[in-house]
Amino acid sequence: MESNQVIKALREERGFTISNLAQDIMSREALNKFEIRGTSLSSDKLTQILDRLNVTYEEYLNRLDMSSLDTKKKYDTLFKQAITYGNEEKYQALSLHLLQKYQETNDVFYAIKKEQFAIEYNYMQKHTLKGSEQGIEYIIAYLNRIETWGKFEISIFGSCMFAFTNDYIYSNLNRLNRRIHSFIADSPLHSDFAHILLNALILLVAIRKDYTYGPKLLEQLLEYTHDPNYMYEQICANIFRKLIEKKEAFTLTDVEKELSILNYLGYSEMAKNMEEVLG
């Protein structure tokens, strides 16, 4: 079920006419077009509509076609298997399958996943982005035209972040923070966004050694992870605070305590990965 179909179903269930729901939010004609054609709807107007319907953003997300998305997750598993075992034949079969599914259904999901996997496969196997330029442009064009990102768009952005420029990464993290800040705390997007912020710090600060955006990203990560459930992210945030402060003078001895805590809490593999990235 698409966003416009969800809103229409919620409206009808609650006995709202299009005019009643649209009043003081948008024109009746604009809402009607959205319900029929799925035209774009700003996050601000979506929030107002959900508020009038007495529906939380989390409930709205749950009404989207989550069962279909769960089914589609199998493609990530198949791709991971192909990468893990370096199976070119499996990867090519998956790529062809996604192309065929896109041609059959015209569902952009399949086209986006095909390009995402192609970019990742090329980088993991050949350690280069050369040859992936067209795919990167395709994904950026898709992300740029989506007004309000959901779990799918955030997932694609996170998976392909390594292929984007620093400015593009930072501008979109700001965009996400600004547009979903009002309801992210109570939505499934909370953990997704916190995870991406941490990965952005790893990529931009630890790997690319660009400290320009570090302080702001760190501030956002701390904001979204003050809950004890995000202890791992909080410890990593402390690591990056020291890295940003010391820059090129930073050494692993500066974060011995943090790495020790990660190991003590059972995050030994993550601690090892962090050491490799920072070393």
Protein backbone atom coordinates (compact mmCIF):
# COMPACT_ATOMS: atom_id res chain seq x y z
CA MET A 1 0.00 0.00 0.00
CA GLU A 2 1.37 3.41 -0.99
CA SER A 3 1.25 6.58 1.12
CA ASN A 4 -1.73 8.06 -0.75
CA GLN A 5 -3.66 4.81 -0.34
CA VAL A 6 -2.90 4.76 3.39
CA ILE A 7 -4.15 8.33 3.86
CA LYS A 8 -7.30 7.62 1.88
CA ALA A 9 -8.00 4.47 3.91
CA LEU A 10 -7.43 6.30 7.21
CA ARG A 11 -9.65 9.17 6.10
CA GLU A 12 -12.51 6.87 5.11
CA GLU A 13 -12.19 4.77 8.27
CA ARG A 14 -12.55 7.90 10.38
CA GLY A 15 -15.46 9.33 8.41
CA PHE A 16 -13.68 12.39 7.02
CA THR A 17 -14.64 13.83 3.66
CA ILE A 18 -11.79 15.14 1.50
CA SER A 19 -13.00 18.69 2.21
CA ASN A 20 -13.08 18.16 5.99
CA LEU A 21 -9.60 16.68 6.08
CA ALA A 22 -8.09 19.29 3.76
CA GLN A 23 -9.59 22.32 5.53
CA ASP A 24 -6.93 24.86 6.60
CA ILE A 25 -4.17 22.43 5.55
CA MET A 26 -4.33 22.33 1.76
CA SER A 27 -6.88 22.69 -1.00
CA ARG A 28 -9.49 20.00 -1.53
CA GLU A 29 -8.20 19.58 -5.09
CA ALA A 30 -4.61 19.04 -3.93
CA LEU A 31 -5.62 16.36 -1.42
CA ASN A 32 -7.85 14.69 -4.00
CA LYS A 33 -4.97 14.57 -6.49
CA PHE A 34 -2.70 13.13 -3.80
CA GLU A 35 -5.16 10.36 -2.98
CA ILE A 36 -5.78 9.49 -6.63
CA ARG A 37 -2.37 9.97 -8.22
CA GLY A 38 0.06 9.89 -5.29
CA THR A 39 1.38 13.39 -6.01
CA SER A 40 4.02 14.78 -3.64
CA LEU A 41 3.04 15.83 -0.13
CA SER A 42 5.32 17.85 2.15
CA SER A 43 6.26 16.46 5.56
CA ASP A 44 4.58 19.47 7.20
CA LYS A 45 1.24 18.80 5.51
CA LEU A 46 1.52 15.07 6.17
CA THR A 47 2.07 15.80 9.87
CA GLN A 48 -0.99 18.09 9.96
CA ILE A 49 -3.15 15.50 8.22
CA LEU A 50 -2.08 12.72 10.58
CA ASP A 51 -2.71 15.00 13.55
CA ARG A 52 -6.26 15.71 12.35
CA LEU A 53 -6.81 11.99 11.84
CA ASN A 54 -5.44 11.35 15.37
CA VAL A 55 -2.89 8.95 13.92
CA THR A 56 0.76 8.85 15.03
CA TYR A 57 3.52 8.75 12.47
CA GLU A 58 4.46 5.28 13.71
CA GLU A 59 0.89 4.06 13.06
CA TYR A 60 1.05 5.60 9.60
CA LEU A 61 4.30 3.77 8.85
CA ASN A 62 2.83 0.51 10.09
CA ARG A 63 -0.05 0.91 7.66
CA LEU A 64 2.31 1.07 4.72
CA ASP A 65 2.94 -2.20 2.98
CA MET A 66 5.24 -3.59 5.66
CA SER A 67 4.55 -7.21 4.71
CA SER A 68 5.69 -6.46 1.18
CA LEU A 69 8.82 -4.73 2.50
CA ASP A 70 9.61 -7.74 4.68
CA THR A 71 9.35 -9.97 1.60
CA LYS A 72 11.64 -7.63 -0.28
CA LYS A 73 14.28 -7.88 2.45
CA LYS A 74 15.22 -11.28 1.05
CA TYR A 75 17.14 -9.50 -1.71
CA ASP A 76 19.56 -8.03 0.82
CA THR A 77 20.16 -11.54 2.16
CA LEU A 78 20.79 -12.92 -1.33
CA PHE A 79 23.19 -10.09 -2.11
CA LYS A 80 25.06 -10.60 1.16
CA GLN A 81 25.47 -14.28 0.33
CA ALA A 82 26.85 -13.46 -3.12
CA ILE A 83 29.33 -10.98 -1.62
CA THR A 84 30.39 -13.19 1.28
CA TYR A 85 31.28 -16.09 -0.98
CA GLY A 86 32.46 -13.99 -3.92
CA ASN A 87 29.93 -15.71 -6.14
CA GLU A 88 29.78 -13.76 -9.41
CA GLU A 89 27.15 -16.10 -10.84
CA LYS A 90 24.80 -15.56 -7.88
CA TYR A 91 25.24 -11.81 -8.10
CA GLN A 92 24.54 -11.69 -11.84
CA ALA A 93 21.45 -13.90 -11.39
CA LEU A 94 20.17 -11.56 -8.65
CA SER A 95 20.82 -8.49 -10.80
CA LEU A 96 18.94 -10.02 -13.74
CA HIS A 97 16.05 -11.02 -11.48
CA LEU A 98 15.72 -7.46 -10.14
CA LEU A 99 15.73 -6.07 -13.69
CA GLN A 100 13.01 -8.50 -14.74
CA LYS A 101 10.89 -7.68 -11.67
CA TYR A 102 11.18 -3.98 -12.44
CA GLN A 103 10.12 -4.54 -16.05
CA GLU A 104 7.16 -6.64 -14.91
CA THR A 105 5.92 -4.41 -12.08
CA ASN A 106 7.36 -0.96 -12.80
CA ASP A 107 8.09 -0.86 -9.04
CA VAL A 108 11.05 1.48 -8.56
CA PHE A 109 12.15 -0.60 -5.56
CA TYR A 110 13.65 -3.21 -7.88
CA ALA A 111 15.48 -0.66 -10.02
CA ILE A 112 16.94 1.07 -6.97
CA LYS A 113 18.08 -2.18 -5.35
CA LYS A 114 19.69 -3.29 -8.63
CA GLU A 115 21.72 -0.07 -8.77
CA GLN A 116 22.56 -0.20 -5.07
CA PHE A 117 23.90 -3.74 -5.34
CA ALA A 118 25.86 -2.88 -8.49
CA ILE A 119 27.59 0.03 -6.72
CA GLU A 120 28.37 -2.05 -3.62
CA TYR A 121 29.53 -5.07 -5.62
CA ASN A 122 31.83 -2.98 -7.80
CA TYR A 123 33.35 -1.26 -4.76
CA MET A 124 33.77 -4.44 -2.70
CA GLN A 125 35.24 -6.48 -5.53
CA LYS A 126 37.29 -3.83 -7.33
CA HIS A 127 37.70 -1.19 -4.58
CA THR A 128 36.60 1.60 -6.89
CA LEU A 129 33.54 3.66 -7.79
CA LYS A 130 34.68 3.97 -11.39
CA GLY A 131 32.01 2.50 -13.61
CA SER A 132 29.28 3.16 -11.02
CA GLU A 133 28.73 6.83 -11.88
CA GLN A 134 25.44 6.24 -13.70
CA GLY A 135 24.03 4.14 -10.87
CA ILE A 136 25.05 6.72 -8.28
CA GLU A 137 23.35 9.48 -10.29
CA TYR A 138 20.20 7.35 -10.62
CA ILE A 139 19.97 6.81 -6.86
CA ILE A 140 20.68 10.46 -6.07
CA ALA A 141 17.99 11.55 -8.54
CA TYR A 142 15.52 9.20 -6.84
CA LEU A 143 16.37 10.41 -3.34
CA ASN A 144 16.21 14.05 -4.40
CA ARG A 145 12.68 13.77 -5.72
CA ILE A 146 11.25 12.08 -2.61
CA GLU A 147 9.84 14.78 -0.36
CA THR A 148 9.54 12.70 2.82
CA TRP A 149 11.94 9.82 3.28
CA GLY A 150 10.72 6.59 4.85
CA LYS A 151 12.64 3.50 5.96
CA PHE A 152 13.39 2.51 2.36
CA GLU A 153 14.97 5.84 1.38
CA ILE A 154 16.93 6.04 4.64
CA SER A 155 18.17 2.48 4.09
CA ILE A 156 19.29 3.25 0.51
CA PHE A 157 21.01 6.45 1.63
CA GLY A 158 22.82 4.60 4.42
CA SER A 159 23.89 1.71 2.19
CA CYS A 160 25.25 3.98 -0.55
CA MET A 161 26.67 6.70 1.69
CA PHE A 162 30.24 5.65 0.86
CA ALA A 163 29.55 6.61 -2.78
CA PHE A 164 28.33 10.14 -2.01
CA THR A 165 30.28 13.36 -1.56
CA ASN A 166 30.76 14.78 1.93
CA ASP A 167 28.54 17.78 1.18
CA TYR A 168 25.72 15.58 -0.12
CA ILE A 169 25.88 13.35 2.94
CA TYR A 170 25.84 16.24 5.38
CA SER A 171 23.09 18.19 3.61
CA ASN A 172 20.81 15.16 3.60
CA LEU A 173 21.48 14.32 7.25
CA ASN A 174 20.48 17.89 8.07
CA ARG A 175 17.43 17.50 5.83
CA LEU A 176 16.44 14.29 7.60
CA ASN A 177 17.00 15.77 11.03
CA ARG A 178 14.93 18.85 10.18
CA ARG A 179 12.02 17.06 8.52
CA ILE A 180 11.51 14.11 10.81
CA HIS A 181 12.64 15.60 14.11
CA SER A 182 9.07 16.25 15.26
CA PHE A 183 8.10 12.57 15.28
CA ILE A 184 11.30 10.56 15.07
CA ALA A 185 11.51 9.80 18.81
CA ASP A 186 8.40 7.63 18.67
CA SER A 187 8.98 6.06 15.28
CA PRO A 188 10.98 3.13 13.88
CA LEU A 189 13.12 5.74 12.12
CA HIS A 190 14.80 6.69 15.40
CA SER A 191 17.28 3.80 15.47
CA ASP A 192 17.80 3.97 11.69
CA PHE A 193 18.78 7.62 11.88
CA ALA A 194 21.07 7.10 14.90
CA HIS A 195 22.82 4.26 13.05
CA ILE A 196 23.35 6.41 9.96
CA LEU A 197 24.72 9.30 12.03
CA LEU A 198 27.32 6.97 13.56
CA ASN A 199 28.25 5.58 10.14
CA ALA A 200 28.55 9.12 8.79
CA LEU A 201 31.02 9.98 11.56
CA ILE A 202 33.03 6.86 10.77
CA LEU A 203 33.08 7.65 7.05
CA LEU A 204 33.64 11.41 7.11
CA VAL A 205 35.81 11.83 10.20
CA ALA A 206 37.65 8.54 10.70
CA ILE A 207 38.10 7.43 7.09
CA ARG A 208 38.01 10.60 4.98
CA LYS A 209 39.60 12.74 7.73
CA ASP A 210 37.16 15.59 7.08
CA TYR A 211 36.46 17.28 10.44
CA THR A 212 34.25 20.02 9.00
CA TYR A 213 30.95 18.33 9.80
CA GLY A 214 32.12 16.32 12.80
CA PRO A 215 30.88 18.59 15.63
CA LYS A 216 27.38 18.94 14.21
CA LEU A 217 27.03 15.21 13.44
CA LEU A 218 28.26 14.42 16.94
CA GLU A 219 25.70 16.82 18.41
CA GLN A 220 22.90 15.14 16.46
CA LEU A 221 24.07 11.64 17.43
CA LEU A 222 24.08 12.57 21.12
CA GLU A 223 20.61 14.05 20.78
CA TYR A 224 19.15 10.85 19.35
CA THR A 225 20.99 8.43 21.64
CA HIS A 226 20.57 9.79 25.17
CA ASP A 227 18.35 6.78 25.91
CA PRO A 228 20.31 3.98 27.74
CA ASN A 229 19.27 1.60 24.96
CA TYR A 230 21.79 3.43 22.77
CA MET A 231 24.77 2.83 25.08
CA TYR A 232 26.94 1.52 22.22
CA GLU A 233 26.29 4.66 20.17
CA GLN A 234 26.99 6.87 23.20
CA ILE A 235 30.37 5.21 23.77
CA CYS A 236 31.21 5.61 20.08
CA ALA A 237 30.13 9.25 20.28
CA ASN A 238 32.68 9.74 23.07
CA ILE A 239 35.35 8.20 20.84
CA PHE A 240 34.52 10.59 18.03
CA ARG A 241 34.45 13.56 20.37
CA LYS A 242 38.12 12.88 21.17
CA LEU A 243 38.96 12.23 17.52
CA ILE A 244 37.40 15.53 16.45
CA GLU A 245 39.19 17.41 19.23
CA LYS A 246 42.63 15.95 18.51
CA LYS A 247 42.32 15.45 14.73
CA GLU A 248 45.69 14.27 13.30
CA ALA A 249 47.20 14.07 16.80
CA PHE A 250 44.69 11.39 17.78
CA THR A 251 45.93 7.89 18.69
CA LEU A 252 44.18 4.75 19.93
CA THR A 253 45.59 5.31 23.41
CA ASP A 254 43.24 8.30 23.68
CA VAL A 255 40.24 5.96 23.66
CA GLU A 256 41.58 2.93 25.53
CA LYS A 257 38.87 3.33 28.17
CA GLU A 258 36.05 3.43 25.61
CA LEU A 259 37.37 0.42 23.70
CA SER A 260 37.78 -1.45 26.99
CA ILE A 261 34.15 -0.72 27.90
CA LEU A 262 32.95 -1.96 24.51
CA ASN A 263 34.86 -5.21 25.03
CA TYR A 264 33.55 -5.55 28.58
CA LEU A 265 29.95 -5.11 27.39
CA GLY A 266 30.37 -7.83 24.77
CA TYR A 267 30.88 -5.55 21.77
CA SER A 268 34.30 -7.07 21.07
CA GLU A 269 33.80 -7.38 17.32
CA MET A 270 32.59 -3.79 17.11
CA ALA A 271 35.53 -2.64 19.23
CA LYS A 272 37.90 -4.44 16.85
CA ASN A 273 36.24 -2.84 13.82
CA MET A 274 36.50 0.57 15.47
CA GLU A 275 40.20 0.01 16.15
CA GLU A 276 40.77 -0.89 12.50
CA VAL A 277 38.93 2.21 11.29
CA LEU A 278 40.69 4.55 13.71
CA GLY A 279 44.11 2.93 13.38
